[in-house]
Protein backbone atom coordinates (compact mmCIF):
# COMPACT_ATOMS: atom_id res chain seq x y z
CA MET A 1 46.27 3.22 -53.40
CA THR A 2 47.58 1.78 -50.12
CA ARG A 3 51.29 1.99 -49.60
CA PRO A 4 53.22 -1.22 -48.63
CA GLY A 5 54.35 0.41 -45.40
CA LYS A 6 50.75 0.95 -44.34
CA VAL A 7 49.86 -2.66 -45.06
CA ALA A 8 52.81 -3.89 -43.03
CA GLY A 9 51.96 -1.51 -40.21
CA ALA A 10 48.31 -2.62 -40.17
CA ALA A 11 49.35 -6.27 -40.11
CA LEU A 12 51.74 -5.64 -37.26
CA PHE A 13 49.03 -3.79 -35.29
CA ALA A 14 46.53 -6.61 -35.90
CA GLY A 15 49.06 -9.18 -34.77
CA LEU A 16 49.80 -7.19 -31.65
CA MET A 17 46.08 -6.92 -30.80
CA LEU A 18 45.66 -10.66 -31.34
CA SER A 19 48.51 -11.41 -28.97
CA LEU A 20 47.13 -9.01 -26.35
CA SER A 21 43.68 -10.56 -26.61
CA TRP A 22 44.98 -13.49 -24.58
CA MET A 23 45.82 -11.15 -21.72
CA LYS A 24 42.38 -11.21 -20.12
CA PRO A 25 41.47 -10.52 -16.51
CA ALA A 26 41.01 -13.52 -14.27
CA ALA A 27 37.21 -13.21 -14.28
CA ALA A 28 37.09 -13.34 -18.07
CA GLN A 29 39.08 -16.55 -18.08
CA GLY A 30 36.37 -18.26 -16.04
CA SER A 31 32.64 -17.60 -15.99
CA GLY A 32 32.87 -13.88 -16.64
CA SER A 33 32.01 -13.25 -12.97
CA ALA A 34 34.68 -12.92 -10.30
CA SER A 35 32.05 -13.64 -7.63
CA LEU A 36 30.72 -16.75 -9.34
CA ASP A 37 34.25 -18.03 -9.92
CA ALA A 38 35.04 -17.53 -6.23
CA VAL A 39 31.82 -19.27 -5.22
CA LYS A 40 32.54 -22.26 -7.47
CA GLY A 41 36.15 -22.37 -6.34
CA ARG A 42 35.30 -22.67 -2.65
CA GLY A 43 32.09 -24.66 -3.23
CA GLN A 44 30.09 -22.31 -1.01
CA VAL A 45 28.11 -19.10 -1.16
CA LEU A 46 28.97 -16.80 1.74
CA CYS A 47 25.85 -14.91 2.71
CA GLY A 48 25.69 -12.02 5.15
CA ILE A 49 22.66 -12.12 7.46
CA ALA A 50 21.64 -10.81 10.88
CA GLY A 51 21.10 -14.20 12.49
CA THR A 52 18.99 -12.70 15.28
CA VAL A 53 15.62 -11.84 13.69
CA PRO A 54 12.66 -14.27 13.89
CA GLY A 55 11.09 -14.81 10.49
CA PHE A 56 14.15 -13.49 8.67
CA SER A 57 17.28 -15.16 10.03
CA LEU A 58 17.43 -17.03 13.31
CA PRO A 59 18.72 -20.52 14.16
CA ASP A 60 16.09 -23.07 15.16
CA SER A 61 16.42 -25.51 18.05
CA GLN A 62 18.67 -27.70 15.89
CA GLY A 63 20.95 -24.81 14.96
CA VAL A 64 19.60 -24.57 11.40
CA MET A 65 19.28 -21.00 10.15
CA ARG A 66 15.65 -20.21 9.33
CA GLY A 67 13.88 -17.20 7.85
CA LEU A 68 13.09 -15.25 4.69
CA ASP A 69 16.60 -13.78 4.43
CA ALA A 70 18.20 -17.16 5.08
CA ASP A 71 16.07 -18.84 2.40
CA SER A 72 16.87 -16.01 -0.01
CA CYS A 73 20.53 -16.96 0.44
CA ARG A 74 19.75 -20.66 -0.09
CA ALA A 75 17.88 -19.87 -3.30
CA VAL A 76 20.90 -18.07 -4.79
CA THR A 77 23.15 -20.96 -3.74
CA ALA A 78 20.81 -23.49 -5.37
CA ALA A 79 20.97 -21.47 -8.60
CA ALA A 80 24.75 -20.99 -8.54
CA LEU A 81 25.92 -24.37 -7.23
CA GLY A 82 22.90 -26.64 -7.61
CA ASP A 83 22.78 -27.36 -3.89
CA ALA A 84 21.11 -25.00 -1.39
CA ALA A 85 22.93 -26.73 1.47
CA LYS A 86 26.20 -25.18 0.29
CA THR A 87 25.24 -21.85 1.86
CA LYS A 88 27.50 -20.55 4.61
CA PHE A 89 25.84 -17.93 6.79
CA VAL A 90 27.96 -15.06 8.10
CA ALA A 91 26.46 -12.99 10.93
CA THR A 92 26.78 -9.24 10.39
CA THR A 93 25.71 -6.16 12.33
CA THR A 94 24.13 -2.91 11.16
CA GLN A 95 27.61 -1.36 11.46
CA ASN A 96 29.72 -3.91 9.55
CA ARG A 97 27.24 -5.36 7.03
CA PHE A 98 28.27 -3.12 4.13
CA THR A 99 31.98 -3.47 4.86
CA ALA A 100 31.61 -7.25 4.87
CA LEU A 101 30.18 -7.15 1.35
CA GLN A 102 32.60 -4.50 0.07
CA SER A 103 35.62 -6.44 1.32
CA GLY A 104 34.50 -9.77 -0.15
CA GLU A 105 33.89 -11.36 3.25
CA VAL A 106 30.46 -12.29 1.88
CA ASP A 107 29.19 -12.79 -1.68
CA LEU A 108 25.81 -11.20 -1.03
CA LEU A 109 24.01 -9.45 1.80
CA SER A 110 20.52 -10.59 2.77
CA ARG A 111 19.95 -8.70 6.00
CA SER A 112 16.64 -6.79 5.96
CA THR A 113 18.49 -3.87 4.37
CA THR A 114 16.57 -0.96 2.86
CA TRP A 115 17.15 0.02 -0.74
CA THR A 116 18.02 3.74 -0.79
CA LEU A 117 19.68 6.10 -3.26
CA ALA A 118 22.52 7.01 -0.88
CA ARG A 119 23.44 3.39 -0.24
CA GLU A 120 23.39 2.42 -3.89
CA ALA A 121 25.20 5.57 -5.06
CA ASN A 122 27.89 5.79 -2.38
CA LEU A 123 28.82 2.30 -1.22
CA GLY A 124 29.88 0.55 -4.42
CA LEU A 125 26.99 -1.85 -3.85
CA GLU A 126 23.63 -2.41 -5.51
CA PHE A 127 20.29 -4.05 -4.80
CA ALA A 128 19.39 -7.03 -6.95
CA TRP A 129 15.79 -7.47 -5.79
CA VAL A 130 13.29 -6.69 -3.02
CA ASN A 131 12.29 -9.69 -0.93
CA TYR A 132 10.12 -7.71 1.51
CA TYR A 133 8.27 -4.40 1.09
CA ASP A 134 8.26 -2.92 4.57
CA GLY A 135 8.04 0.37 6.48
CA THR A 136 9.21 1.90 9.76
CA GLY A 137 6.82 1.40 12.66
CA PHE A 138 6.59 1.86 16.43
CA LEU A 139 5.98 -0.67 19.18
CA VAL A 140 4.73 0.64 22.54
CA LYS A 141 3.39 -0.82 25.75
CA LYS A 142 -0.39 -1.01 26.02
CA SER A 143 -0.16 0.59 29.47
CA ALA A 144 1.12 3.81 27.86
CA GLY A 145 -2.26 4.36 26.23
CA VAL A 146 -0.70 5.65 23.00
CA LYS A 147 -2.87 5.21 19.90
CA GLU A 148 -0.74 6.88 17.19
CA ALA A 149 2.79 8.14 16.66
CA LYS A 150 1.80 11.82 16.79
CA GLU A 151 1.01 11.34 20.47
CA MET A 152 4.68 10.63 21.22
CA ASP A 153 6.09 14.16 21.33
CA GLY A 154 9.05 14.14 23.73
CA ALA A 155 9.26 10.34 23.79
CA THR A 156 12.42 8.29 24.18
CA ILE A 157 12.77 5.80 21.34
CA CYS A 158 15.00 2.73 21.18
CA VAL A 159 16.59 2.40 17.74
CA GLN A 160 19.65 0.79 16.20
CA PRO A 161 22.30 3.29 15.06
CA GLY A 162 23.35 3.49 11.43
CA THR A 163 20.01 2.27 10.13
CA SER A 164 17.44 3.77 7.77
CA THR A 165 15.05 3.57 10.75
CA GLU A 166 17.07 6.23 12.56
CA LEU A 167 16.77 8.53 9.53
CA ALA A 168 13.03 7.82 9.14
CA ILE A 169 12.31 8.75 12.78
CA ASN A 170 14.27 11.99 12.43
CA ASP A 171 12.33 12.88 9.28
CA PHE A 172 8.98 12.07 10.91
CA TYR A 173 9.61 14.18 14.01
CA ARG A 174 11.02 17.03 11.97
CA LEU A 175 8.00 16.98 9.64
CA HIS A 176 5.56 17.17 12.55
CA ASN A 177 7.60 19.69 14.57
CA MET A 178 8.02 17.23 17.41
CA LYS A 179 10.97 16.19 19.54
CA PHE A 180 12.27 12.82 20.72
CA THR A 181 15.30 11.37 22.46
CA PRO A 182 16.96 8.44 20.70
CA ILE A 183 18.32 5.56 22.76
CA LEU A 184 20.92 4.12 20.39
CA ILE A 185 21.72 0.45 20.94
CA ALA A 186 23.40 -1.71 18.30
CA ASP A 187 22.69 -5.20 19.64
CA GLN A 188 19.25 -6.56 18.69
CA ALA A 189 18.64 -8.48 21.92
CA GLU A 190 19.88 -5.59 24.05
CA ILE A 191 17.66 -3.04 22.37
CA GLN A 192 14.62 -5.27 22.80
CA GLY A 193 15.49 -5.83 26.45
CA ALA A 194 15.88 -2.09 26.96
CA PHE A 195 12.39 -1.49 25.59
CA LEU A 196 10.81 -4.21 27.71
CA SER A 197 12.57 -2.93 30.84
CA GLY A 198 11.23 0.60 30.32
CA ARG A 199 14.42 2.40 29.24
CA CYS A 200 12.49 3.84 26.31
CA ASP A 201 8.86 4.67 25.55
CA ALA A 202 8.88 3.03 22.13
CA TYR A 203 10.89 0.61 20.06
CA SER A 204 11.21 1.47 16.37
CA THR A 205 12.42 -0.58 13.43
CA ASP A 206 10.80 -2.20 10.37
CA ALA A 207 7.17 -3.01 11.11
CA SER A 208 7.76 -6.64 10.10
CA ALA A 209 10.49 -7.04 12.73
CA LEU A 210 8.30 -5.39 15.36
CA ALA A 211 5.45 -7.75 14.55
CA THR A 212 7.66 -10.83 14.80
CA PHE A 213 9.22 -9.57 18.05
CA ARG A 214 5.76 -8.98 19.53
CA PHE A 215 4.71 -12.47 18.40
CA SER A 216 7.77 -13.98 20.07
CA GLN A 217 6.59 -12.71 23.47
CA GLY A 218 3.89 -15.39 23.61
CA PRO A 219 1.18 -14.65 26.23
CA LYS A 220 2.78 -11.25 26.94
CA ALA A 221 2.27 -10.15 23.31
CA ASP A 222 -1.05 -8.57 24.28
CA ASP A 223 0.84 -6.16 26.54
CA LEU A 224 2.48 -4.62 23.46
CA VAL A 225 0.84 -2.52 20.73
CA LEU A 226 2.12 -2.08 17.19
CA LEU A 227 0.95 1.41 16.25
CA PRO A 228 -0.87 1.75 12.91
CA ASP A 229 1.58 4.38 11.62
CA ILE A 230 4.00 3.35 8.88
CA ILE A 231 6.23 6.40 8.53
CA SER A 232 8.51 5.38 5.67
CA LYS A 233 8.96 3.14 2.65
CA GLU A 234 11.43 0.37 3.42
CA PRO A 235 11.95 -1.97 0.46
CA LEU A 236 14.22 -4.63 1.94
CA GLY A 237 16.54 -6.11 -0.61
CA VAL A 238 19.44 -8.41 -1.34
CA MET A 239 22.70 -6.61 -2.13
CA VAL A 240 25.78 -7.44 -4.21
CA ARG A 241 28.92 -5.57 -5.18
CA LYS A 242 28.84 -3.29 -8.21
CA GLY A 243 30.94 -4.18 -11.21
CA ASP A 244 30.06 -7.88 -11.43
CA ASP A 245 27.04 -7.79 -13.71
CA LYS A 246 26.79 -11.54 -14.21
CA TRP A 247 26.61 -12.22 -10.46
CA PHE A 248 24.03 -9.42 -10.16
CA ASP A 249 22.00 -11.13 -12.92
CA ILE A 250 22.14 -14.49 -11.14
CA VAL A 251 20.90 -13.03 -7.87
CA ARG A 252 18.17 -10.95 -9.51
CA TRP A 253 16.85 -13.70 -11.76
CA THR A 254 16.81 -16.19 -8.91
CA PHE A 255 14.06 -14.11 -7.29
CA ILE A 256 12.28 -13.62 -10.60
CA ALA A 257 12.27 -17.39 -11.07
CA MET A 258 10.66 -17.88 -7.65
CA ILE A 259 7.96 -15.31 -8.41
CA THR A 260 7.35 -16.80 -11.85
CA ALA A 261 6.94 -20.23 -10.26
CA GLU A 262 4.33 -18.86 -7.86
CA GLU A 263 2.47 -17.16 -10.71
CA LYS A 264 2.42 -20.44 -12.63
CA GLY A 265 1.53 -22.64 -9.65
CA VAL A 266 4.84 -24.50 -9.68
CA THR A 267 5.89 -25.59 -6.18
CA SER A 268 8.65 -27.67 -4.62
CA ALA A 269 6.11 -30.48 -4.21
CA ASN A 270 4.60 -30.57 -7.71
CA ILE A 271 7.51 -29.36 -9.85
CA ASP A 272 8.27 -32.79 -11.31
CA SER A 273 4.70 -33.13 -12.58
CA PHE A 274 5.48 -30.40 -15.14
CA ALA A 275 8.06 -32.54 -16.97
CA ASN A 276 5.76 -32.83 -20.00
CA THR A 277 4.09 -29.44 -19.80
CA THR A 278 3.37 -27.58 -23.03
CA ASP A 279 3.40 -24.16 -21.32
CA PRO A 280 6.42 -22.43 -22.92
CA ASP A 281 6.97 -20.18 -19.88
CA ILE A 282 7.22 -23.16 -17.55
CA ARG A 283 9.37 -25.12 -19.99
CA ARG A 284 11.89 -22.27 -20.14
CA LEU A 285 11.71 -21.81 -16.36
CA LEU A 286 12.51 -25.45 -15.68
CA GLY A 287 15.19 -25.76 -18.36
CA LEU A 288 13.12 -28.09 -20.54
CA GLU A 289 13.82 -25.86 -23.53
CA GLY A 290 15.96 -22.86 -24.33
CA ASP A 291 19.30 -21.96 -22.77
CA MET A 292 18.25 -19.56 -20.04
CA GLY A 293 20.73 -21.02 -17.57
CA LYS A 294 23.56 -20.92 -20.05
CA ALA A 295 22.85 -17.22 -20.59
CA LEU A 296 23.54 -16.70 -16.88
CA GLY A 297 26.64 -18.91 -16.90
CA LEU A 298 24.74 -21.63 -15.05
CA ASP A 299 23.23 -25.05 -15.67
CA ASN A 300 19.90 -24.86 -17.49
CA LYS A 301 18.27 -26.48 -14.44
CA TRP A 302 19.26 -23.51 -12.26
CA ALA A 303 15.66 -22.43 -11.62
CA TYR A 304 14.49 -26.02 -11.19
CA ASN A 305 17.07 -26.42 -8.42
CA VAL A 306 15.88 -23.22 -6.73
CA ILE A 307 12.20 -24.21 -6.74
CA LYS A 308 12.77 -27.87 -5.91
CA GLN A 309 15.06 -27.13 -2.96
CA VAL A 310 13.74 -23.81 -1.60
CA GLY A 311 10.29 -23.40 -3.17
CA ASN A 312 8.52 -20.60 -4.97
CA PHE A 313 8.23 -17.13 -3.45
CA GLY A 314 4.90 -17.90 -1.77
CA GLU A 315 6.28 -21.05 -0.17
CA MET A 316 9.21 -19.08 1.21
CA TRP A 317 6.83 -16.47 2.64
CA ASN A 318 4.39 -19.01 4.12
CA ARG A 319 7.18 -20.98 5.76
CA ASN A 320 8.82 -18.00 7.43
CA ILE A 321 6.52 -14.98 7.72
CA THR A 322 2.98 -16.34 7.93
CA PRO A 323 3.63 -18.08 11.30
CA MET A 324 4.61 -14.66 12.70
CA GLY A 325 1.06 -13.43 12.13
CA VAL A 326 2.10 -10.88 9.48
CA PRO A 327 -0.34 -10.56 6.53
CA ARG A 328 1.26 -10.75 3.11
CA GLY A 329 -0.42 -7.60 1.78
CA ILE A 330 1.67 -5.73 -0.77
CA ASN A 331 4.25 -8.53 -0.70
CA ASN A 332 1.88 -10.73 -2.64
CA ILE A 333 2.29 -11.38 -6.35
CA TRP A 334 0.72 -8.83 -8.66
CA THR A 335 -2.20 -11.07 -9.67
CA LYS A 336 -3.28 -11.01 -6.00
CA GLY A 337 -2.91 -7.28 -5.47
CA GLY A 338 0.76 -7.19 -4.48
CA LEU A 339 3.95 -5.63 -5.85
CA GLN A 340 5.87 -8.81 -6.74
CA TYR A 341 5.85 -8.98 -10.54
CA ALA A 342 8.13 -11.17 -12.61
CA PRO A 343 9.62 -10.02 -15.94
CA PRO A 344 9.50 -12.79 -18.56
CA ILE A 345 12.13 -15.52 -18.58
CA ARG A 346 12.74 -15.74 -22.31
């Protein structure tokens, strides 16, 4: 038997909980994502990039930011706001890139940044996806006659401080009981100039960046040699702040949508021809059935907007990386021998 006092107490407690249920955090009153609410409120996605790397983020002759990292930003903006043009690019350095994301100066970081345990465990940040599988390499002058990295005992090496490249070089030289002298220069253009002027024997960073830098030298490219050694794994990814799972989901599934589109042969040019497709995967991808967008807090045409405005993953690669002379290799989709594999959108 329940005593009257208990009933009254239970009713009072239930009433109190009901009244408190209205006291929700600001994010819960909107989309459920503080980042998405901020993005919608300002009508822009603030994206941290380098802004100095050919093939990844560099303004063209008209001042338009071009590159794989820049287009990764545009894809997220197309998903979140329906308009890729509403991306605002914020230049960051290797020293301030994480602080910019932590402080909310940017909504995501797309800056050729390597996914590592220390970064994800210690910075309050996390990687949503890998847009380029890379590795640390070395660029030397042909006149040096160097054929492999093990021949560079005692070399001076130009490298940016505070990067995973710096750690990879230290590990490599330690492993092979060799010594080197680092020439630490933060500015991208300055470090490249230092290498070309002879201040260091080698320039080290991600092999992709070395290849694009060599390509940018035009006729003088043949004077430079990209050594065959890849001394580390460098999965370059797009980062967001921890604690905002819905924003993380939006960024992650934007890339999955682009990979899915490539797998299915859906491009920015032919996407509208699939309006009457019977393929259930494509119908869900393009918002023709199901509520995949609604599940993310977005319009159901979120992925359609990404593909129509930015393209599938292959288009993004071909537009930005292929002209640099870099083979796609392991960055291809899994059906063509690569690592890019899309979980199902269902």
